N, C-alpha and C. Protein backbone atom coordinates (compact mmCIF):
# COMPACT_ATOMS: atom_id res chain seq x y z
N MET A 1 -7.96 24.00 -1.84
CA MET A 1 -7.89 23.49 -0.50
C MET A 1 -7.79 21.98 -0.54
N ARG A 2 -6.89 21.40 0.19
CA ARG A 2 -6.65 19.96 0.22
C ARG A 2 -7.51 19.34 1.32
N VAL A 3 -8.20 18.23 0.98
CA VAL A 3 -9.04 17.52 1.94
C VAL A 3 -8.36 16.21 2.27
N PHE A 4 -8.19 15.92 3.54
CA PHE A 4 -7.51 14.69 3.97
C PHE A 4 -8.52 13.70 4.51
N SER A 5 -8.25 12.43 4.33
CA SER A 5 -9.14 11.38 4.84
C SER A 5 -9.09 11.36 6.36
N PRO A 6 -10.12 10.79 7.00
CA PRO A 6 -10.12 10.69 8.46
C PRO A 6 -8.91 9.92 8.98
N LEU A 7 -8.41 8.95 8.22
CA LEU A 7 -7.23 8.19 8.64
C LEU A 7 -6.04 9.11 8.81
N VAL A 8 -5.81 9.96 7.82
CA VAL A 8 -4.67 10.87 7.88
C VAL A 8 -4.81 11.85 9.02
N LEU A 9 -6.00 12.44 9.16
CA LEU A 9 -6.22 13.41 10.22
C LEU A 9 -6.16 12.74 11.59
N GLY A 10 -6.74 11.54 11.70
CA GLY A 10 -6.76 10.84 12.97
C GLY A 10 -5.38 10.47 13.46
N LEU A 11 -4.45 10.26 12.58
CA LEU A 11 -3.10 9.92 12.98
C LEU A 11 -2.25 11.16 13.21
N GLY A 12 -2.83 12.32 13.01
CA GLY A 12 -2.12 13.56 13.30
C GLY A 12 -0.97 13.83 12.35
N LEU A 13 -1.13 13.48 11.10
CA LEU A 13 -0.03 13.70 10.14
C LEU A 13 0.02 15.16 9.72
N SER A 14 1.21 15.61 9.52
CA SER A 14 1.36 16.93 8.91
C SER A 14 1.53 16.72 7.42
N ALA A 15 1.34 17.75 6.65
CA ALA A 15 1.47 17.62 5.22
C ALA A 15 2.93 17.67 4.83
N VAL A 16 3.55 16.51 4.83
CA VAL A 16 4.95 16.39 4.45
C VAL A 16 4.96 15.71 3.10
N PHE A 17 5.52 16.34 2.11
CA PHE A 17 5.48 15.78 0.76
C PHE A 17 6.77 15.02 0.50
N CYS A 18 6.61 13.68 0.42
CA CYS A 18 7.78 12.86 0.17
C CYS A 18 7.34 11.59 -0.54
N ALA A 19 8.25 10.95 -1.23
CA ALA A 19 7.96 9.68 -1.89
C ALA A 19 8.50 8.56 -1.04
N HIS A 20 7.82 7.44 -1.07
CA HIS A 20 8.28 6.26 -0.32
C HIS A 20 9.14 5.42 -1.25
N SER A 21 10.24 4.92 -0.74
CA SER A 21 11.21 4.22 -1.57
C SER A 21 10.66 2.93 -2.18
N ALA A 22 9.61 2.32 -1.61
CA ALA A 22 9.08 1.08 -2.15
C ALA A 22 8.30 1.35 -3.43
N GLU A 23 7.82 2.56 -3.63
CA GLU A 23 7.12 2.91 -4.86
C GLU A 23 8.14 3.40 -5.87
N LEU A 24 7.80 3.32 -7.16
CA LEU A 24 8.73 3.82 -8.16
C LEU A 24 8.96 5.31 -7.90
N ALA A 25 10.22 5.70 -7.85
CA ALA A 25 10.58 7.06 -7.48
C ALA A 25 10.32 8.08 -8.59
N ASN A 26 10.47 7.66 -9.84
CA ASN A 26 10.24 8.56 -10.97
C ASN A 26 10.06 7.72 -12.23
N THR A 27 9.75 8.41 -13.33
CA THR A 27 9.45 7.70 -14.57
C THR A 27 10.66 6.97 -15.15
N SER A 28 11.87 7.32 -14.71
CA SER A 28 13.05 6.61 -15.22
C SER A 28 13.07 5.15 -14.74
N GLU A 29 12.24 4.81 -13.72
CA GLU A 29 12.15 3.44 -13.25
C GLU A 29 11.11 2.62 -14.03
N CYS A 30 10.43 3.26 -14.98
CA CYS A 30 9.48 2.56 -15.84
C CYS A 30 10.25 1.89 -16.98
N ILE A 31 10.83 0.75 -16.67
CA ILE A 31 11.68 0.04 -17.61
C ILE A 31 10.93 -1.18 -18.15
N ALA A 32 10.87 -1.29 -19.46
CA ALA A 32 10.17 -2.43 -20.08
C ALA A 32 10.70 -3.74 -19.52
N GLY A 33 9.77 -4.63 -19.14
CA GLY A 33 10.12 -5.93 -18.59
C GLY A 33 10.06 -5.98 -17.07
N LYS A 34 10.02 -4.81 -16.41
CA LYS A 34 9.97 -4.78 -14.93
C LYS A 34 8.59 -5.23 -14.45
N GLN A 35 8.58 -6.15 -13.49
CA GLN A 35 7.35 -6.63 -12.88
C GLN A 35 6.94 -5.64 -11.79
N VAL A 36 5.68 -5.20 -11.82
CA VAL A 36 5.19 -4.21 -10.86
C VAL A 36 3.82 -4.60 -10.33
N THR A 37 3.46 -3.97 -9.21
CA THR A 37 2.13 -4.13 -8.62
C THR A 37 1.53 -2.76 -8.44
N HIS A 38 0.28 -2.60 -8.86
CA HIS A 38 -0.45 -1.34 -8.70
C HIS A 38 -0.98 -1.26 -7.28
N ARG A 39 -1.32 -0.08 -6.81
CA ARG A 39 -1.85 0.12 -5.46
C ARG A 39 -3.11 -0.68 -5.17
N ASN A 40 -3.84 -1.11 -6.19
CA ASN A 40 -5.05 -1.90 -5.98
C ASN A 40 -4.73 -3.39 -5.92
N GLY A 41 -3.44 -3.75 -6.01
CA GLY A 41 -3.02 -5.15 -5.91
C GLY A 41 -2.87 -5.85 -7.24
N LYS A 42 -3.25 -5.23 -8.34
CA LYS A 42 -3.17 -5.83 -9.66
C LYS A 42 -1.73 -5.77 -10.15
N SER A 43 -1.20 -6.91 -10.60
CA SER A 43 0.19 -7.01 -11.04
C SER A 43 0.29 -7.03 -12.56
N GLY A 44 1.49 -6.74 -13.04
CA GLY A 44 1.74 -6.80 -14.47
C GLY A 44 3.18 -6.49 -14.79
N THR A 45 3.44 -6.32 -16.08
CA THR A 45 4.79 -6.04 -16.59
C THR A 45 4.78 -4.72 -17.33
N ILE A 46 5.75 -3.87 -17.03
CA ILE A 46 5.87 -2.61 -17.76
C ILE A 46 6.28 -2.93 -19.20
N VAL A 47 5.55 -2.33 -20.15
CA VAL A 47 5.86 -2.56 -21.56
C VAL A 47 6.36 -1.29 -22.25
N ALA A 48 6.09 -0.12 -21.66
CA ALA A 48 6.53 1.13 -22.29
C ALA A 48 6.38 2.30 -21.33
N LEU A 49 7.01 3.39 -21.70
CA LEU A 49 6.83 4.68 -21.04
C LEU A 49 6.20 5.57 -22.10
N ARG A 50 4.98 6.07 -21.84
CA ARG A 50 4.25 6.83 -22.85
C ARG A 50 3.62 8.06 -22.20
N ASN A 51 3.92 9.24 -22.70
CA ASN A 51 3.34 10.49 -22.22
C ASN A 51 3.51 10.66 -20.71
N GLY A 52 4.66 10.26 -20.17
CA GLY A 52 4.94 10.42 -18.76
C GLY A 52 4.31 9.38 -17.86
N SER A 53 3.71 8.34 -18.45
CA SER A 53 3.07 7.28 -17.67
C SER A 53 3.71 5.94 -18.00
N CYS A 54 3.69 5.05 -17.01
CA CYS A 54 4.17 3.68 -17.20
C CYS A 54 3.03 2.86 -17.78
N VAL A 55 3.26 2.22 -18.91
CA VAL A 55 2.23 1.37 -19.51
C VAL A 55 2.48 -0.05 -19.01
N VAL A 56 1.47 -0.64 -18.38
CA VAL A 56 1.58 -1.96 -17.77
C VAL A 56 0.64 -2.93 -18.46
N ARG A 57 1.18 -4.11 -18.85
CA ARG A 57 0.36 -5.18 -19.41
C ARG A 57 0.06 -6.15 -18.28
N HIS A 58 -1.23 -6.41 -18.08
CA HIS A 58 -1.67 -7.33 -17.02
C HIS A 58 -1.81 -8.74 -17.59
N GLU A 59 -1.98 -9.72 -16.70
CA GLU A 59 -2.06 -11.12 -17.09
C GLU A 59 -3.19 -11.38 -18.08
N ASP A 60 -4.27 -10.60 -17.99
CA ASP A 60 -5.40 -10.81 -18.90
C ASP A 60 -5.16 -10.20 -20.28
N GLY A 61 -3.96 -9.61 -20.48
CA GLY A 61 -3.60 -9.01 -21.76
C GLY A 61 -3.95 -7.54 -21.88
N SER A 62 -4.71 -7.00 -20.93
CA SER A 62 -5.07 -5.59 -20.99
C SER A 62 -3.85 -4.74 -20.65
N GLU A 63 -3.84 -3.54 -21.20
CA GLU A 63 -2.77 -2.59 -20.91
C GLU A 63 -3.38 -1.32 -20.33
N HIS A 64 -2.74 -0.80 -19.27
CA HIS A 64 -3.20 0.43 -18.63
C HIS A 64 -2.00 1.32 -18.34
N SER A 65 -2.23 2.62 -18.38
CA SER A 65 -1.19 3.60 -18.07
C SER A 65 -1.35 4.05 -16.63
N TYR A 66 -0.22 4.13 -15.91
CA TYR A 66 -0.24 4.55 -14.51
C TYR A 66 0.86 5.57 -14.27
N LEU A 67 0.63 6.47 -13.32
CA LEU A 67 1.68 7.36 -12.86
C LEU A 67 2.68 6.52 -12.06
N HIS A 68 3.96 6.86 -12.10
CA HIS A 68 5.01 6.03 -11.48
C HIS A 68 4.75 5.76 -10.01
N TRP A 69 4.24 6.74 -9.25
CA TRP A 69 4.06 6.58 -7.81
C TRP A 69 2.92 5.63 -7.46
N MET A 70 2.14 5.20 -8.44
CA MET A 70 1.06 4.25 -8.20
C MET A 70 1.55 2.81 -8.27
N LEU A 71 2.83 2.63 -8.65
CA LEU A 71 3.38 1.29 -8.85
C LEU A 71 4.53 1.00 -7.89
N SER A 72 4.65 -0.27 -7.54
CA SER A 72 5.77 -0.75 -6.72
C SER A 72 6.38 -1.95 -7.42
N PRO A 73 7.71 -2.10 -7.35
CA PRO A 73 8.31 -3.29 -7.95
C PRO A 73 7.82 -4.55 -7.23
N GLN A 74 7.59 -5.61 -7.98
CA GLN A 74 7.22 -6.87 -7.33
C GLN A 74 8.42 -7.38 -6.59
N GLU A 75 8.15 -8.08 -5.50
CA GLU A 75 9.23 -8.53 -4.62
C GLU A 75 9.87 -9.82 -5.09
N GLY A 76 9.43 -10.39 -6.19
CA GLY A 76 10.03 -11.61 -6.70
C GLY A 76 9.37 -12.85 -6.16
N ALA A 77 8.97 -12.84 -4.92
CA ALA A 77 8.31 -14.01 -4.33
C ALA A 77 6.81 -13.86 -4.51
N PRO A 78 6.11 -14.96 -4.73
CA PRO A 78 4.68 -14.88 -4.86
C PRO A 78 4.04 -14.43 -3.55
N ALA A 79 2.88 -13.85 -3.63
CA ALA A 79 2.19 -13.39 -2.42
C ALA A 79 1.93 -14.56 -1.50
N ALA A 80 2.13 -14.34 -0.23
CA ALA A 80 1.91 -15.40 0.74
C ALA A 80 0.44 -15.77 0.78
N SER A 81 0.17 -17.05 0.85
CA SER A 81 -1.21 -17.49 0.88
C SER A 81 -1.68 -17.71 2.31
N GLY A 82 -0.77 -17.63 3.26
CA GLY A 82 -1.12 -17.86 4.64
C GLY A 82 -1.99 -16.74 5.18
N ALA A 83 -2.51 -16.96 6.37
CA ALA A 83 -3.43 -16.01 6.98
C ALA A 83 -2.72 -15.06 7.91
N GLU A 84 -1.44 -14.77 7.67
CA GLU A 84 -0.69 -13.87 8.54
C GLU A 84 -0.18 -12.68 7.76
N LEU A 85 -0.05 -11.59 8.47
CA LEU A 85 0.59 -10.40 7.93
C LEU A 85 2.01 -10.42 8.48
N PRO A 86 3.03 -10.35 7.63
CA PRO A 86 4.40 -10.42 8.14
C PRO A 86 4.68 -9.37 9.20
N GLN A 87 5.36 -9.79 10.26
CA GLN A 87 5.72 -8.88 11.36
C GLN A 87 6.83 -7.93 10.90
N GLY A 88 6.85 -6.76 11.51
CA GLY A 88 7.91 -5.81 11.24
C GLY A 88 7.40 -4.39 11.14
N ASN A 89 8.33 -3.51 10.75
CA ASN A 89 8.03 -2.07 10.63
C ASN A 89 7.59 -1.75 9.21
N TYR A 90 6.42 -1.15 9.10
CA TYR A 90 5.87 -0.75 7.81
C TYR A 90 5.89 0.77 7.73
N VAL A 91 6.09 1.27 6.53
CA VAL A 91 5.97 2.71 6.26
C VAL A 91 4.73 2.86 5.41
N CYS A 92 3.78 3.62 5.93
CA CYS A 92 2.52 3.87 5.22
C CYS A 92 2.60 5.23 4.55
N SER A 93 2.38 5.25 3.25
CA SER A 93 2.44 6.48 2.48
C SER A 93 1.03 6.89 2.09
N ALA A 94 0.66 8.09 2.51
CA ALA A 94 -0.65 8.64 2.17
C ALA A 94 -0.43 9.61 1.02
N THR A 95 -1.07 9.35 -0.10
CA THR A 95 -0.88 10.14 -1.30
C THR A 95 -0.97 11.64 -1.02
N GLY A 96 0.11 12.35 -1.27
CA GLY A 96 0.13 13.80 -1.12
C GLY A 96 0.14 14.31 0.30
N ALA A 97 0.20 13.39 1.29
CA ALA A 97 0.12 13.85 2.68
C ALA A 97 1.26 13.36 3.54
N GLY A 98 2.21 12.63 2.99
CA GLY A 98 3.35 12.17 3.76
C GLY A 98 3.29 10.70 4.12
N SER A 99 4.02 10.34 5.15
CA SER A 99 4.09 8.94 5.54
C SER A 99 4.09 8.83 7.06
N PHE A 100 3.77 7.63 7.53
CA PHE A 100 3.74 7.34 8.96
C PHE A 100 4.07 5.88 9.18
N PRO A 101 4.62 5.53 10.36
CA PRO A 101 4.98 4.13 10.64
C PRO A 101 3.86 3.35 11.33
N ILE A 102 3.80 2.07 11.02
CA ILE A 102 2.95 1.10 11.70
C ILE A 102 3.83 -0.12 11.93
N THR A 103 3.81 -0.68 13.14
CA THR A 103 4.58 -1.90 13.42
C THR A 103 3.61 -3.04 13.66
N ILE A 104 3.79 -4.12 12.91
CA ILE A 104 2.96 -5.32 13.07
C ILE A 104 3.71 -6.28 13.99
N HIS A 105 3.03 -6.72 15.05
CA HIS A 105 3.62 -7.63 16.03
C HIS A 105 2.96 -9.00 15.92
N ARG A 106 3.59 -9.99 16.54
CA ARG A 106 3.00 -11.34 16.55
C ARG A 106 1.70 -11.28 17.35
N GLY A 107 0.85 -12.26 17.11
CA GLY A 107 -0.43 -12.31 17.80
C GLY A 107 -1.45 -11.32 17.24
N ASN A 108 -1.28 -10.92 15.97
CA ASN A 108 -2.20 -9.98 15.31
C ASN A 108 -2.39 -8.69 16.09
N ARG A 109 -1.27 -8.09 16.51
CA ARG A 109 -1.28 -6.81 17.21
C ARG A 109 -0.44 -5.82 16.39
N TYR A 110 -0.72 -4.53 16.60
CA TYR A 110 0.06 -3.50 15.92
C TYR A 110 0.20 -2.29 16.84
N THR A 111 1.19 -1.45 16.52
CA THR A 111 1.34 -0.16 17.19
C THR A 111 1.46 0.91 16.12
N ASP A 112 0.93 2.10 16.44
CA ASP A 112 1.00 3.21 15.49
C ASP A 112 2.14 4.15 15.85
N ARG A 113 2.22 5.29 15.19
CA ARG A 113 3.33 6.23 15.39
C ARG A 113 3.34 6.81 16.81
N ALA A 114 2.19 6.81 17.49
CA ALA A 114 2.11 7.32 18.86
C ALA A 114 2.31 6.20 19.89
N GLN A 115 2.72 5.03 19.40
CA GLN A 115 2.94 3.84 20.23
C GLN A 115 1.65 3.33 20.89
N LYS A 116 0.51 3.66 20.30
CA LYS A 116 -0.77 3.11 20.77
C LYS A 116 -1.00 1.80 20.04
N SER A 117 -1.45 0.79 20.78
CA SER A 117 -1.59 -0.52 20.18
C SER A 117 -3.04 -0.84 19.85
N GLY A 118 -3.19 -1.85 19.02
CA GLY A 118 -4.50 -2.32 18.60
C GLY A 118 -4.39 -3.75 18.13
N GLU A 119 -5.53 -4.34 17.83
CA GLU A 119 -5.59 -5.71 17.34
C GLU A 119 -6.26 -5.76 15.99
N PHE A 120 -5.92 -6.81 15.21
CA PHE A 120 -6.54 -7.01 13.91
C PHE A 120 -6.74 -8.50 13.68
N ASP A 121 -7.59 -8.83 12.73
CA ASP A 121 -7.81 -10.21 12.28
C ASP A 121 -7.63 -10.26 10.79
N MET A 122 -7.18 -11.41 10.29
CA MET A 122 -7.11 -11.64 8.86
C MET A 122 -8.40 -12.33 8.45
N ALA A 123 -9.14 -11.71 7.55
CA ALA A 123 -10.39 -12.25 7.07
C ALA A 123 -10.17 -12.94 5.71
N PRO A 124 -11.10 -13.76 5.26
CA PRO A 124 -10.97 -14.38 3.94
C PRO A 124 -10.84 -13.32 2.85
N GLY A 125 -10.16 -13.67 1.78
CA GLY A 125 -10.02 -12.74 0.66
C GLY A 125 -9.00 -11.66 0.88
N LYS A 126 -8.02 -11.87 1.75
CA LYS A 126 -6.92 -10.94 2.02
C LYS A 126 -7.34 -9.69 2.80
N GLU A 127 -8.58 -9.64 3.27
CA GLU A 127 -9.00 -8.48 4.05
C GLU A 127 -8.37 -8.51 5.45
N ILE A 128 -8.05 -7.32 5.94
CA ILE A 128 -7.53 -7.16 7.29
C ILE A 128 -8.57 -6.36 8.06
N VAL A 129 -9.01 -6.89 9.19
CA VAL A 129 -10.04 -6.21 10.00
C VAL A 129 -9.36 -5.65 11.25
N PHE A 130 -9.21 -4.33 11.33
CA PHE A 130 -8.64 -3.69 12.50
C PHE A 130 -9.74 -3.56 13.54
N LYS A 131 -9.61 -4.30 14.65
CA LYS A 131 -10.66 -4.37 15.67
C LYS A 131 -10.54 -3.27 16.71
N SER A 132 -9.33 -2.77 16.95
CA SER A 132 -9.14 -1.74 17.97
C SER A 132 -7.93 -0.89 17.61
N GLY A 133 -7.73 0.17 18.37
CA GLY A 133 -6.60 1.08 18.11
C GLY A 133 -6.96 2.14 17.08
N SER A 134 -5.94 2.89 16.65
CA SER A 134 -6.17 4.02 15.74
C SER A 134 -6.67 3.62 14.37
N LEU A 135 -6.47 2.36 13.95
CA LEU A 135 -6.92 1.92 12.64
C LEU A 135 -8.28 1.23 12.67
N ALA A 136 -8.89 1.11 13.84
CA ALA A 136 -10.21 0.47 13.95
C ALA A 136 -11.19 1.17 13.02
N GLY A 137 -11.92 0.36 12.26
CA GLY A 137 -12.91 0.90 11.34
C GLY A 137 -12.39 1.20 9.96
N GLN A 138 -11.07 1.17 9.76
CA GLN A 138 -10.50 1.40 8.43
C GLN A 138 -10.60 0.10 7.63
N TYR A 139 -10.89 0.23 6.34
CA TYR A 139 -10.90 -0.93 5.46
C TYR A 139 -9.46 -1.19 5.05
N SER A 140 -9.06 -2.45 5.08
CA SER A 140 -7.69 -2.79 4.74
C SER A 140 -7.66 -4.14 4.03
N ARG A 141 -6.64 -4.29 3.17
CA ARG A 141 -6.48 -5.52 2.41
C ARG A 141 -5.01 -5.71 2.08
N ARG A 142 -4.56 -6.97 2.12
CA ARG A 142 -3.19 -7.29 1.68
C ARG A 142 -3.08 -7.03 0.20
N LEU A 143 -1.99 -6.40 -0.20
CA LEU A 143 -1.75 -6.11 -1.62
C LEU A 143 -0.57 -6.89 -2.16
N GLY A 144 0.07 -7.66 -1.32
CA GLY A 144 1.23 -8.44 -1.70
C GLY A 144 1.80 -9.12 -0.49
N THR A 145 2.98 -9.68 -0.64
CA THR A 145 3.60 -10.41 0.45
C THR A 145 3.79 -9.58 1.69
N ALA A 146 4.25 -8.35 1.54
CA ALA A 146 4.55 -7.50 2.68
C ALA A 146 4.03 -6.09 2.42
N LYS A 147 2.76 -6.01 2.03
CA LYS A 147 2.18 -4.73 1.65
C LYS A 147 0.68 -4.79 1.89
N PHE A 148 0.13 -3.70 2.45
CA PHE A 148 -1.32 -3.63 2.60
C PHE A 148 -1.79 -2.21 2.36
N GLY A 149 -3.06 -2.10 1.98
CA GLY A 149 -3.66 -0.80 1.73
C GLY A 149 -4.65 -0.44 2.82
N LEU A 150 -4.84 0.84 3.02
CA LEU A 150 -5.81 1.36 4.01
C LEU A 150 -6.73 2.34 3.32
N SER A 151 -8.01 2.30 3.72
CA SER A 151 -8.99 3.22 3.17
C SER A 151 -10.09 3.42 4.20
N SER A 152 -10.75 4.57 4.14
CA SER A 152 -11.85 4.81 5.07
C SER A 152 -13.13 4.12 4.63
N ALA A 153 -13.17 3.60 3.40
CA ALA A 153 -14.34 2.90 2.89
C ALA A 153 -13.91 1.73 2.01
N LYS A 154 -14.73 0.71 1.94
CA LYS A 154 -14.42 -0.46 1.12
C LYS A 154 -14.41 -0.05 -0.34
N GLY A 155 -13.41 -0.49 -1.06
CA GLY A 155 -13.27 -0.17 -2.48
C GLY A 155 -12.08 -0.87 -3.05
N LYS A 156 -11.75 -0.54 -4.30
CA LYS A 156 -10.62 -1.18 -4.97
C LYS A 156 -9.36 -0.34 -4.93
N MET A 157 -9.47 0.94 -4.61
CA MET A 157 -8.31 1.83 -4.57
C MET A 157 -7.92 2.13 -3.13
N PHE A 158 -6.62 2.18 -2.91
CA PHE A 158 -6.09 2.53 -1.59
C PHE A 158 -5.18 3.72 -1.76
N TYR A 159 -5.54 4.85 -1.15
CA TYR A 159 -4.70 6.03 -1.23
C TYR A 159 -3.64 6.05 -0.14
N THR A 160 -3.73 5.11 0.79
CA THR A 160 -2.68 4.90 1.78
C THR A 160 -2.19 3.46 1.62
N VAL A 161 -0.92 3.30 1.35
CA VAL A 161 -0.33 1.98 1.15
C VAL A 161 0.83 1.81 2.12
N CYS A 162 0.88 0.65 2.81
CA CYS A 162 1.90 0.36 3.80
C CYS A 162 2.81 -0.74 3.29
N ASN A 163 4.12 -0.48 3.29
CA ASN A 163 5.12 -1.42 2.80
C ASN A 163 6.07 -1.79 3.94
N LEU A 164 6.36 -3.10 4.05
CA LEU A 164 7.33 -3.57 5.03
C LEU A 164 8.70 -3.04 4.67
N LYS A 165 9.43 -2.44 5.66
CA LYS A 165 10.77 -1.91 5.39
C LYS A 165 11.75 -3.04 5.21
């Protein structure tokens, strides 16, 4: 039996199994030298494909193996240091449960798939605080220039990741 987080259930998602194009689509994209970012925001360079996993070397010299869908190609530009989340349409992928849209508007406002709006603030340390709307109470953090993670509890892993289209 599959258990879904309150975020997934609260947004009324059906179990649609699909991959999001911003994440590596399959292991053939694990090419040595490719710069990638893990779902927890940690970046590195792919050094090998081993036993069906992408081996990534991080800046501290450590190497870790990841499944391809846990990685996204780096966008080339360094992460924005400003206190804004880029405006636009994001596709949020919930691991094993499908995807849903979120639109970020100017003035720290957003709308969800049901066109219900809410407000958020950017907190120190890349945290995003959703003050109202369907995402209120969810823990969120910027993971890159145009990417953020969502979780029902504070932690280092995000099983729902939103990428700007």
